[in-house]
Amino acid sequence: MPKVLIAEDELIIADMIAEVLARNGYDICGIARSVAEVIELGDAHKPDLAVIDLHLADGSLGTGVAHRLRRHGSLGVLYMTGGANDITLTANDGEACLRKPFALGDLVAALKTVEGIVNGKDAEPPFPPGFEVLRHPLDQHMPENPEMTAANLKITRLLRQQAALAGFGGFAFRETDLGKILTEAARACAECLEVPFCKICRYRQEENDLLVEAGVGWRPGVVGSVVSRADQSSPQGRAFVTGKPVICDDLSRDAVFALPALYADHGIVSIVDVIIKGNGRPYGVLEIDSPQPHSYDRHDVDFLTGFANVLAEAVGTTKRNKLLRSAIGRMKNLVADKDRLLTENSLILIEKNRLLEEKSVLARELHHRVRNNLQLVYAMLCKQHEQAAEGSVKEDISAIARRVMTLAKMHDHLLGTGLSRTIDIGDYLRVAVRRLCRTRKCARVRY
């Protein structure tokens, strides 16, 4: 019973796939959501087949699994993806690809085809909808020709590298996630130079070391760890310090460097390091690694150097875009604060107008009460005046009544209908003098 490992970030889909494969005679040895989980399950169970989603959790790519798992022996890989056009898949990555959405019955048929390919059988149609057998990178650019010369192979390899470089450039400048950009760069470099390992190291100024920021083929724990100091004691350190490529065709014959332990753990024999430049301080180092002695020529180094330069520009663009998005975010916050302040000012203005209106109502009520009180006093004086006998008392009451009336008129003139009215002092003085003269001239007034 073939053992199958499933790598799918959507657990509901993964459970459905596991159920249908189990019904069709496959032994499901595990379900994983990320490259690290896939490698851990692969090391533990050594599956015969793998059904892998191209885009896994945390932004990792399923293509980072094939080289690592195939070290245990023959492994058939079927990719599931809805975005296969974003990344070029070849026979170096697996046997076949099935595009989403697909029927679960088609998945079983596709996996049986992959099983046949692994067992040495030719894949023959009819194939399920969306199914594609992956071809060798050389086959994608030139037709089969048993008499192909070494020169033609070299030209084909150069064309493949140029196509990979152009494809990565388009991917890098569309993608905003730096982690995905670095991972895809490592995958493309490893594929184009036909090696199972590649890593990208970032320089940390304060620690003066090189940290593995992304890579393909490595065991869990390598990515995110420090590989070496940024000095000439290691290949990547020398490439970073000198700015020149460092090529080691066979590390076993080179005792110059103090090699990190991960080289022995993965059986690394040959490497190439090139610097990833940047605006001002370099970003770090791009390195390819192989477990077999390898002879790298000038074209390979030129390809890696060009790739590193494109990667450096992509890193710089990502950083600038991040700063731009941060600035836009701050501007949005400022605009939001401005709108909030305008809203608060509008509410304050509304409250101010309400208070003014309330003040105006109170002023009118106060004026009304004062006027009524003065009217009441004046009416009572008039009544007393009518009832008083002729004489000095009657005259005194009349004088007081005139003064109360004058006070009422002056109150009306000064305050009007509101406490905040502007007063014409000239007109006020003219009226006051006129009333004073009238009061003085009239000894007796009839009411």
Protein backbone atom coordinates (compact mmCIF):
# COMPACT_ATOMS: atom_id res chain seq x y z
CA MET A 1 0.00 0.00 0.00
CA PRO A 2 1.75 3.25 -1.13
CA LYS A 3 2.28 5.80 1.62
CA VAL A 4 1.09 9.32 0.77
CA LEU A 5 1.99 12.60 2.47
CA ILE A 6 -0.44 15.51 2.03
CA ALA A 7 0.73 19.14 2.18
CA GLU A 8 -2.23 21.56 2.14
CA ASP A 9 -2.73 24.72 4.21
CA GLU A 10 -6.53 24.37 4.14
CA LEU A 11 -7.18 21.53 6.59
CA ILE A 12 -10.74 20.94 5.38
CA ILE A 13 -9.47 20.31 1.84
CA ALA A 14 -6.64 18.17 3.23
CA ASP A 15 -9.11 15.99 5.19
CA MET A 16 -11.27 15.51 2.09
CA ILE A 17 -8.20 14.50 0.05
CA ALA A 18 -7.04 12.10 2.77
CA GLU A 19 -10.47 10.46 2.93
CA VAL A 20 -10.79 9.85 -0.82
CA LEU A 21 -7.21 8.57 -1.14
CA ALA A 22 -7.68 6.20 1.79
CA ARG A 23 -10.82 4.81 0.12
CA ASN A 24 -8.75 4.14 -3.01
CA GLY A 25 -6.08 2.07 -1.29
CA TYR A 26 -3.49 4.66 -0.22
CA ASP A 27 -1.94 4.85 3.24
CA ILE A 28 -2.03 8.47 4.50
CA CYS A 29 1.10 8.98 6.62
CA GLY A 30 0.42 12.61 7.55
CA ILE A 31 -1.00 16.05 6.76
CA ALA A 32 1.17 19.19 6.89
CA ARG A 33 0.49 22.92 6.38
CA SER A 34 4.04 24.28 5.85
CA VAL A 35 7.34 23.23 4.28
CA ALA A 36 8.90 22.61 7.69
CA GLU A 37 6.04 20.30 8.71
CA VAL A 38 6.26 18.43 5.40
CA ILE A 39 9.99 17.82 5.83
CA GLU A 40 9.50 16.66 9.41
CA LEU A 41 6.80 14.17 8.37
CA GLY A 42 8.89 13.07 5.37
CA ASP A 43 11.93 12.37 7.54
CA ALA A 44 9.76 10.38 9.94
CA HIS A 45 7.66 8.31 7.47
CA LYS A 46 9.61 8.36 4.16
CA PRO A 47 6.48 8.40 1.93
CA ASP A 48 6.25 6.98 -1.57
CA LEU A 49 4.06 9.80 -2.89
CA ALA A 50 3.38 13.42 -1.93
CA VAL A 51 0.35 15.57 -2.79
CA ILE A 52 1.55 19.14 -2.28
CA ASP A 53 -0.21 22.50 -2.51
CA LEU A 54 2.12 24.95 -4.26
CA HIS A 55 1.36 27.81 -1.84
CA LEU A 56 1.54 26.62 1.77
CA ALA A 57 1.01 28.35 5.12
CA ASP A 58 3.26 31.27 6.18
CA GLY A 59 3.88 32.10 2.51
CA SER A 60 6.21 29.10 1.97
CA LEU A 61 6.31 27.32 -1.40
CA GLY A 62 5.70 23.63 -1.81
CA THR A 63 8.61 23.43 -4.27
CA GLY A 64 10.96 23.67 -1.29
CA VAL A 65 9.95 20.12 -0.36
CA ALA A 66 10.91 18.03 -3.42
CA HIS A 67 14.72 18.12 -3.18
CA ARG A 68 14.71 17.50 0.55
CA LEU A 69 12.30 14.57 0.51
CA ARG A 70 13.87 12.91 -2.52
CA ARG A 71 17.09 12.38 -0.61
CA HIS A 72 15.37 9.41 1.04
CA GLY A 73 14.87 7.72 -2.33
CA SER A 74 12.25 7.72 -5.07
CA LEU A 75 9.34 10.05 -4.34
CA GLY A 76 6.46 10.92 -6.62
CA VAL A 77 5.25 14.51 -6.25
CA LEU A 78 1.87 15.79 -7.46
CA TYR A 79 1.33 19.54 -7.04
CA MET A 80 -2.10 21.07 -6.51
CA THR A 81 -2.40 24.74 -7.30
CA GLY A 82 -4.61 27.47 -8.58
CA GLY A 83 -1.62 29.73 -9.35
CA ALA A 84 0.80 27.58 -11.32
CA ASN A 85 1.29 30.39 -13.83
CA ASP A 86 3.13 32.45 -11.20
CA ILE A 87 5.94 29.89 -10.82
CA THR A 88 7.42 27.66 -13.50
CA LEU A 89 7.35 24.04 -12.39
CA THR A 90 9.71 21.47 -13.89
CA ALA A 91 10.59 17.82 -13.40
CA ASN A 92 13.17 18.98 -10.85
CA ASP A 93 10.23 19.95 -8.62
CA GLY A 94 8.02 16.89 -9.12
CA GLU A 95 6.23 14.66 -11.59
CA ALA A 96 2.97 16.43 -12.31
CA CYS A 97 0.63 19.30 -11.46
CA LEU A 98 -3.16 19.39 -11.07
CA ARG A 99 -4.83 22.77 -11.24
CA LYS A 100 -7.54 23.79 -8.79
CA PRO A 101 -10.49 23.41 -8.72
CA PHE A 102 -10.57 19.68 -9.45
CA ALA A 103 -12.84 16.73 -8.73
CA LEU A 104 -11.58 14.35 -6.06
CA GLY A 105 -11.87 11.48 -8.56
CA ASP A 106 -9.53 13.38 -10.90
CA LEU A 107 -7.06 13.73 -8.04
CA VAL A 108 -7.00 9.95 -7.60
CA ALA A 109 -6.43 9.47 -11.33
CA ALA A 110 -3.66 12.08 -11.33
CA LEU A 111 -1.91 10.44 -8.38
CA LYS A 112 -2.07 7.03 -10.09
CA THR A 113 -0.39 8.58 -13.12
CA VAL A 114 2.35 10.01 -10.90
CA GLU A 115 2.75 6.59 -9.28
CA GLY A 116 3.23 5.09 -12.72
CA ILE A 117 5.85 7.70 -13.66
CA VAL A 118 7.83 6.92 -10.50
CA ASN A 119 7.70 3.20 -11.39
CA GLY A 120 9.15 3.88 -14.84
CA LYS A 121 5.96 3.94 -16.89
CA ASP A 122 5.22 6.56 -19.52
CA ALA A 123 2.37 8.94 -18.71
CA GLU A 124 -0.27 8.32 -21.35
CA PRO A 125 -3.51 10.23 -21.95
CA PRO A 126 -6.31 10.65 -21.38
CA PHE A 127 -5.40 12.86 -18.44
CA PRO A 128 -7.80 14.48 -15.92
CA PRO A 129 -8.82 18.10 -16.61
CA GLY A 130 -6.09 20.53 -15.50
CA PHE A 131 -3.46 17.77 -15.26
CA GLU A 132 0.05 18.40 -16.60
CA VAL A 133 3.13 16.19 -16.61
CA LEU A 134 6.15 18.27 -15.60
CA ARG A 135 9.05 18.29 -18.02
CA HIS A 136 12.76 18.60 -17.50
CA PRO A 137 13.97 22.24 -17.69
CA LEU A 138 15.92 21.51 -20.86
CA ASP A 139 12.83 20.04 -22.52
CA GLN A 140 10.88 23.25 -21.94
CA HIS A 141 13.12 25.27 -24.22
CA MET A 142 14.33 22.84 -26.92
CA PRO A 143 12.78 19.83 -28.66
CA GLU A 144 14.11 16.36 -27.97
CA ASN A 145 17.24 15.61 -29.99
CA PRO A 146 19.52 12.71 -29.08
CA GLU A 147 22.34 14.31 -31.07
CA MET A 148 22.26 17.57 -29.12
CA THR A 149 25.82 18.81 -28.69
CA ALA A 150 27.45 20.14 -25.53
CA ALA A 151 27.40 23.62 -27.05
CA ASN A 152 23.66 23.39 -27.57
CA LEU A 153 23.19 22.22 -23.99
CA LYS A 154 25.17 25.20 -22.75
CA ILE A 155 23.11 27.58 -24.86
CA THR A 156 19.94 25.97 -23.59
CA ARG A 157 21.12 26.35 -20.02
CA LEU A 158 21.90 30.02 -20.58
CA LEU A 159 18.49 30.59 -22.13
CA ARG A 160 16.86 28.85 -19.19
CA GLN A 161 18.79 31.03 -16.75
CA GLN A 162 17.81 34.19 -18.62
CA ALA A 163 14.17 33.13 -18.62
CA ALA A 164 14.34 32.39 -14.90
CA LEU A 165 15.94 35.77 -14.22
CA ALA A 166 13.27 37.59 -16.23
CA GLY A 167 10.49 35.59 -14.58
CA PHE A 168 11.84 36.29 -11.12
CA GLY A 169 12.09 40.00 -11.88
CA GLY A 170 8.40 40.12 -12.77
CA PHE A 171 7.47 38.10 -9.68
CA ALA A 172 9.63 40.17 -7.33
CA PHE A 173 8.23 43.52 -8.40
CA ARG A 174 4.63 42.29 -8.14
CA GLU A 175 5.10 40.70 -4.72
CA THR A 176 5.12 42.82 -1.57
CA ASP A 177 6.14 40.10 0.91
CA LEU A 178 9.95 40.10 1.18
CA GLY A 179 9.99 36.59 2.65
CA LYS A 180 8.22 35.18 -0.42
CA ILE A 181 10.59 37.07 -2.73
CA LEU A 182 13.69 35.66 -1.01
CA THR A 183 12.28 32.11 -0.95
CA GLU A 184 11.42 32.22 -4.65
CA ALA A 185 14.89 33.58 -5.44
CA ALA A 186 16.50 30.67 -3.60
CA ARG A 187 14.27 28.17 -5.39
CA ALA A 188 14.94 29.63 -8.85
CA CYS A 189 18.73 29.73 -8.35
CA ALA A 190 18.83 26.14 -7.10
CA GLU A 191 16.75 24.98 -10.04
CA CYS A 192 18.69 26.83 -12.71
CA LEU A 193 22.06 25.56 -11.46
CA GLU A 194 20.62 22.10 -10.78
CA VAL A 195 21.59 21.93 -7.12
CA PRO A 196 19.38 20.89 -4.20
CA PHE A 197 20.32 23.71 -1.81
CA CYS A 198 20.35 27.47 -1.87
CA LYS A 199 20.25 30.08 0.88
CA ILE A 200 20.12 33.85 1.20
CA CYS A 201 21.97 35.40 4.13
CA ARG A 202 21.22 38.86 5.52
CA TYR A 203 23.96 40.96 7.09
CA ARG A 204 23.30 42.17 10.64
CA GLN A 205 25.42 45.21 11.38
CA GLU A 206 25.24 45.20 15.17
CA GLU A 207 26.17 41.51 15.44
CA ASN A 208 28.46 41.63 12.36
CA ASP A 209 27.20 38.24 11.19
CA LEU A 210 25.20 36.64 8.38
CA LEU A 211 21.74 35.27 9.17
CA VAL A 212 20.00 32.74 6.89
CA GLU A 213 16.89 34.68 5.88
CA ALA A 214 15.50 32.22 3.30
CA GLY A 215 16.45 29.02 1.53
CA VAL A 216 15.38 25.76 -0.09
CA GLY A 217 16.33 22.17 0.65
CA TRP A 218 17.52 22.76 4.22
CA ARG A 219 16.36 20.94 7.32
CA PRO A 220 14.12 22.82 9.77
CA GLY A 221 16.09 25.25 11.91
CA VAL A 222 18.61 26.34 9.27
CA VAL A 223 16.50 29.24 7.99
CA GLY A 224 16.54 31.82 10.77
CA SER A 225 19.92 30.79 12.18
CA VAL A 226 23.31 32.50 11.98
CA VAL A 227 25.58 30.82 9.44
CA SER A 228 28.87 32.66 10.09
CA ARG A 229 30.61 35.88 11.02
CA ALA A 230 30.85 38.57 8.36
CA ASP A 231 34.60 38.13 7.88
CA GLN A 232 36.95 36.15 5.68
CA SER A 233 36.89 33.02 7.86
CA SER A 234 33.94 31.59 5.87
CA PRO A 235 33.06 31.52 2.14
CA GLN A 236 29.97 33.68 2.52
CA GLY A 237 31.82 36.03 4.88
CA ARG A 238 34.63 36.49 2.38
CA ALA A 239 32.16 37.19 -0.43
CA PHE A 240 30.47 39.80 1.74
CA VAL A 241 33.70 41.50 2.86
CA THR A 242 35.46 41.51 -0.53
CA GLY A 243 32.40 41.96 -2.72
CA LYS A 244 33.78 39.28 -5.08
CA PRO A 245 32.32 35.83 -5.86
CA VAL A 246 33.73 32.92 -3.87
CA ILE A 247 33.76 29.54 -5.67
CA CYS A 248 34.58 26.24 -3.99
CA ASP A 249 34.27 23.26 -6.32
CA ASP A 250 35.24 20.79 -3.59
CA LEU A 251 35.26 21.92 0.03
CA SER A 252 37.01 18.72 1.14
CA ARG A 253 40.17 19.94 -0.62
CA ASP A 254 39.91 23.50 0.73
CA ALA A 255 41.14 23.92 4.30
CA VAL A 256 41.19 27.73 4.20
CA PHE A 257 37.71 28.22 5.62
CA ALA A 258 36.13 27.43 8.98
CA LEU A 259 32.91 25.85 7.72
CA PRO A 260 29.61 26.01 9.65
CA ALA A 261 28.30 22.71 11.02
CA LEU A 262 25.31 22.75 8.69
CA TYR A 263 27.62 21.98 5.75
CA ALA A 264 28.61 18.62 7.25
CA ASP A 265 25.02 17.95 8.39
CA HIS A 266 23.77 18.28 4.81
CA GLY A 267 26.84 16.81 3.09
CA ILE A 268 27.66 20.05 1.26
CA VAL A 269 30.70 19.65 -1.00
CA SER A 270 30.64 22.58 -3.45
CA ILE A 271 29.35 26.15 -3.12
CA VAL A 272 29.26 29.52 -4.87
CA ASP A 273 28.74 32.81 -2.97
CA VAL A 274 27.95 36.20 -4.50
CA ILE A 275 27.22 39.46 -2.72
CA ILE A 276 23.75 41.00 -2.74
CA LYS A 277 24.41 44.70 -3.10
CA GLY A 278 22.22 47.49 -1.87
CA ASN A 279 22.01 51.25 -1.59
CA GLY A 280 25.00 51.94 0.63
CA ARG A 281 25.59 48.85 2.79
CA PRO A 282 25.16 45.45 1.03
CA TYR A 283 22.13 43.39 1.98
CA GLY A 284 23.94 40.07 2.31
CA VAL A 285 25.03 37.00 0.34
CA LEU A 286 23.40 34.58 -2.12
CA GLU A 287 24.81 31.05 -1.96
CA ILE A 288 24.13 27.82 -3.84
CA ASP A 289 25.20 24.50 -2.31
CA SER A 290 25.60 21.00 -3.69
CA PRO A 291 26.33 17.65 -1.99
CA GLN A 292 28.52 16.67 -4.96
CA PRO A 293 31.69 18.21 -6.45
CA HIS A 294 30.65 20.68 -9.10
CA SER A 295 32.53 22.74 -11.64
CA TYR A 296 31.00 26.20 -12.01
CA ASP A 297 31.94 28.32 -15.03
CA ARG A 298 31.90 32.05 -15.65
CA HIS A 299 28.33 31.91 -16.99
CA ASP A 300 27.07 30.36 -13.74
CA VAL A 301 28.77 33.07 -11.70
CA ASP A 302 27.45 35.78 -14.03
CA PHE A 303 23.94 34.37 -13.68
CA LEU A 304 24.15 34.34 -9.88
CA THR A 305 25.62 37.85 -9.86
CA GLY A 306 22.86 39.16 -12.10
CA PHE A 307 20.26 37.38 -9.99
CA ALA A 308 21.75 38.89 -6.83
CA ASN A 309 21.61 42.37 -8.40
CA VAL A 310 17.93 41.93 -9.31
CA LEU A 311 17.30 40.60 -5.81
CA ALA A 312 19.07 43.62 -4.28
CA GLU A 313 16.84 45.98 -6.24
CA ALA A 314 13.76 43.98 -5.24
CA VAL A 315 14.82 44.17 -1.57
CA GLY A 316 15.35 47.93 -1.88
CA THR A 317 12.01 48.37 -3.62
CA THR A 318 10.27 46.33 -0.92
CA LYS A 319 11.83 48.47 1.80
CA ARG A 320 10.87 51.68 -0.01
CA ASN A 321 7.33 50.41 -0.52
CA LYS A 322 7.17 49.54 3.17
CA LEU A 323 8.26 53.07 4.10
CA LEU A 324 5.77 54.49 1.60
CA ARG A 325 2.95 52.38 3.02
CA SER A 326 3.98 53.50 6.51
CA ALA A 327 3.93 57.16 5.41
CA ILE A 328 0.54 56.67 3.75
CA GLY A 329 -0.70 55.07 6.95
CA ARG A 330 0.50 58.05 8.97
CA MET A 331 -1.15 60.43 6.50
CA LYS A 332 -4.40 58.50 6.80
CA ASN A 333 -4.14 58.77 10.58
CA LEU A 334 -3.53 62.52 10.28
CA VAL A 335 -6.53 62.90 7.98
CA ALA A 336 -8.61 60.84 10.42
CA ASP A 337 -7.41 63.07 13.30
CA LYS A 338 -8.26 66.15 11.24
CA ASP A 339 -11.75 64.81 10.53
CA ARG A 340 -12.14 63.98 14.21
CA LEU A 341 -11.07 67.50 15.23
CA LEU A 342 -13.41 69.03 12.67
CA THR A 343 -16.23 66.89 14.02
CA GLU A 344 -15.38 67.89 17.58
CA ASN A 345 -15.21 71.58 16.56
CA SER A 346 -18.57 71.24 14.84
CA LEU A 347 -20.04 69.72 18.00
CA ILE A 348 -18.47 72.50 20.09
CA LEU A 349 -19.94 75.12 17.74
CA ILE A 350 -23.35 73.47 17.99
CA GLU A 351 -23.06 73.45 21.78
CA LYS A 352 -21.94 77.10 21.75
CA ASN A 353 -24.94 78.11 19.65
CA ARG A 354 -27.21 76.16 21.97
CA LEU A 355 -25.77 77.97 25.00
CA LEU A 356 -26.10 81.32 23.24
CA GLU A 357 -29.71 80.56 22.40
CA GLU A 358 -30.31 79.53 26.00
CA LYS A 359 -28.65 82.73 27.16
CA SER A 360 -30.83 84.75 24.80
CA VAL A 361 -33.98 83.05 26.16
CA LEU A 362 -32.86 83.75 29.74
CA ALA A 363 -32.09 87.37 28.84
CA ARG A 364 -35.53 87.87 27.30
CA GLU A 365 -37.16 86.29 30.34
CA LEU A 366 -35.09 88.50 32.68
CA HIS A 367 -35.98 91.61 30.67
CA HIS A 368 -39.64 90.58 30.70
CA ARG A 369 -39.60 90.10 34.50
CA VAL A 370 -37.87 93.47 35.13
CA ARG A 371 -40.30 95.27 32.84
CA ASN A 372 -43.30 93.64 34.54
CA ASN A 373 -41.97 94.53 37.99
CA LEU A 374 -41.38 98.14 37.02
CA GLN A 375 -44.86 98.23 35.45
CA LEU A 376 -46.31 96.86 38.68
CA VAL A 377 -44.49 99.46 40.79
CA TYR A 378 -45.55 102.23 38.41
CA ALA A 379 -49.20 101.06 38.48
CA MET A 380 -49.22 100.95 42.30
CA LEU A 381 -47.75 104.48 42.45
CA CYS A 382 -50.40 105.70 40.00
CA LYS A 383 -53.12 104.21 42.15
CA GLN A 384 -51.68 105.83 45.29
CA HIS A 385 -51.44 109.11 43.40
CA GLU A 386 -55.13 108.98 42.51
CA GLN A 387 -56.15 108.21 46.09
CA ALA A 388 -53.86 110.78 47.70
CA ALA A 389 -55.20 114.17 48.72
CA GLU A 390 -53.95 117.27 47.07
CA GLY A 391 -50.71 118.42 48.56
CA SER A 392 -47.08 117.59 48.93
CA VAL A 393 -47.68 113.83 49.31
CA LYS A 394 -49.46 113.70 45.97
CA GLU A 395 -46.64 115.62 44.35
CA ASP A 396 -44.03 113.33 45.88
CA ILE A 397 -45.87 110.25 44.62
CA SER A 398 -46.08 111.80 41.15
CA ALA A 399 -42.32 112.51 41.15
CA ILE A 400 -41.53 108.93 42.20
CA ALA A 401 -43.85 107.58 39.50
CA ARG A 402 -42.12 109.68 36.85
CA ARG A 403 -38.75 108.41 37.99
CA VAL A 404 -39.94 104.77 37.86
CA MET A 405 -41.26 105.35 34.32
CA THR A 406 -37.95 106.93 33.31
CA LEU A 407 -36.09 103.94 34.77
CA ALA A 408 -38.32 101.57 32.78
CA LYS A 409 -37.71 103.45 29.55
CA MET A 410 -33.96 103.55 30.12
CA HIS A 411 -33.98 99.82 30.86
CA ASP A 412 -35.79 99.19 27.57
CA HIS A 413 -33.38 101.39 25.68
CA LEU A 414 -30.25 99.90 27.22
CA LEU A 415 -31.13 96.18 27.12
CA GLY A 416 -33.75 95.85 24.43
CA THR A 417 -34.64 92.17 24.01
CA GLY A 418 -31.19 90.65 24.76
CA LEU A 419 -28.20 91.13 27.03
CA SER A 420 -25.75 91.08 24.14
CA ARG A 421 -27.27 93.91 22.04
CA THR A 422 -24.98 96.71 20.89
CA ILE A 423 -25.95 100.07 22.41
CA ASP A 424 -25.88 103.35 20.50
CA ILE A 425 -24.54 105.59 23.28
CA GLY A 426 -25.32 108.82 21.37
CA ASP A 427 -28.95 107.94 20.92
CA TYR A 428 -29.08 106.77 24.54
CA LEU A 429 -27.75 110.11 25.84
CA ARG A 430 -30.14 112.11 23.67
CA VAL A 431 -33.14 110.16 24.99
CA ALA A 432 -31.85 110.41 28.57
CA VAL A 433 -31.43 114.20 28.37
CA ARG A 434 -34.82 114.62 26.74
CA ARG A 435 -36.54 112.61 29.44
CA LEU A 436 -34.60 114.42 32.18
CA CYS A 437 -35.78 117.80 30.83
CA ARG A 438 -39.31 116.54 30.59
CA THR A 439 -39.13 115.27 34.15
CA ARG A 440 -37.77 118.60 35.45
CA LYS A 441 -40.24 120.77 33.51
CA CYS A 442 -43.34 118.88 34.53
CA ALA A 443 -44.22 119.61 38.15
CA ARG A 444 -47.54 117.87 37.84
CA VAL A 445 -48.35 115.00 35.56
CA ARG A 446 -51.72 113.50 34.96
CA TYR A 447 -51.83 109.74 34.69
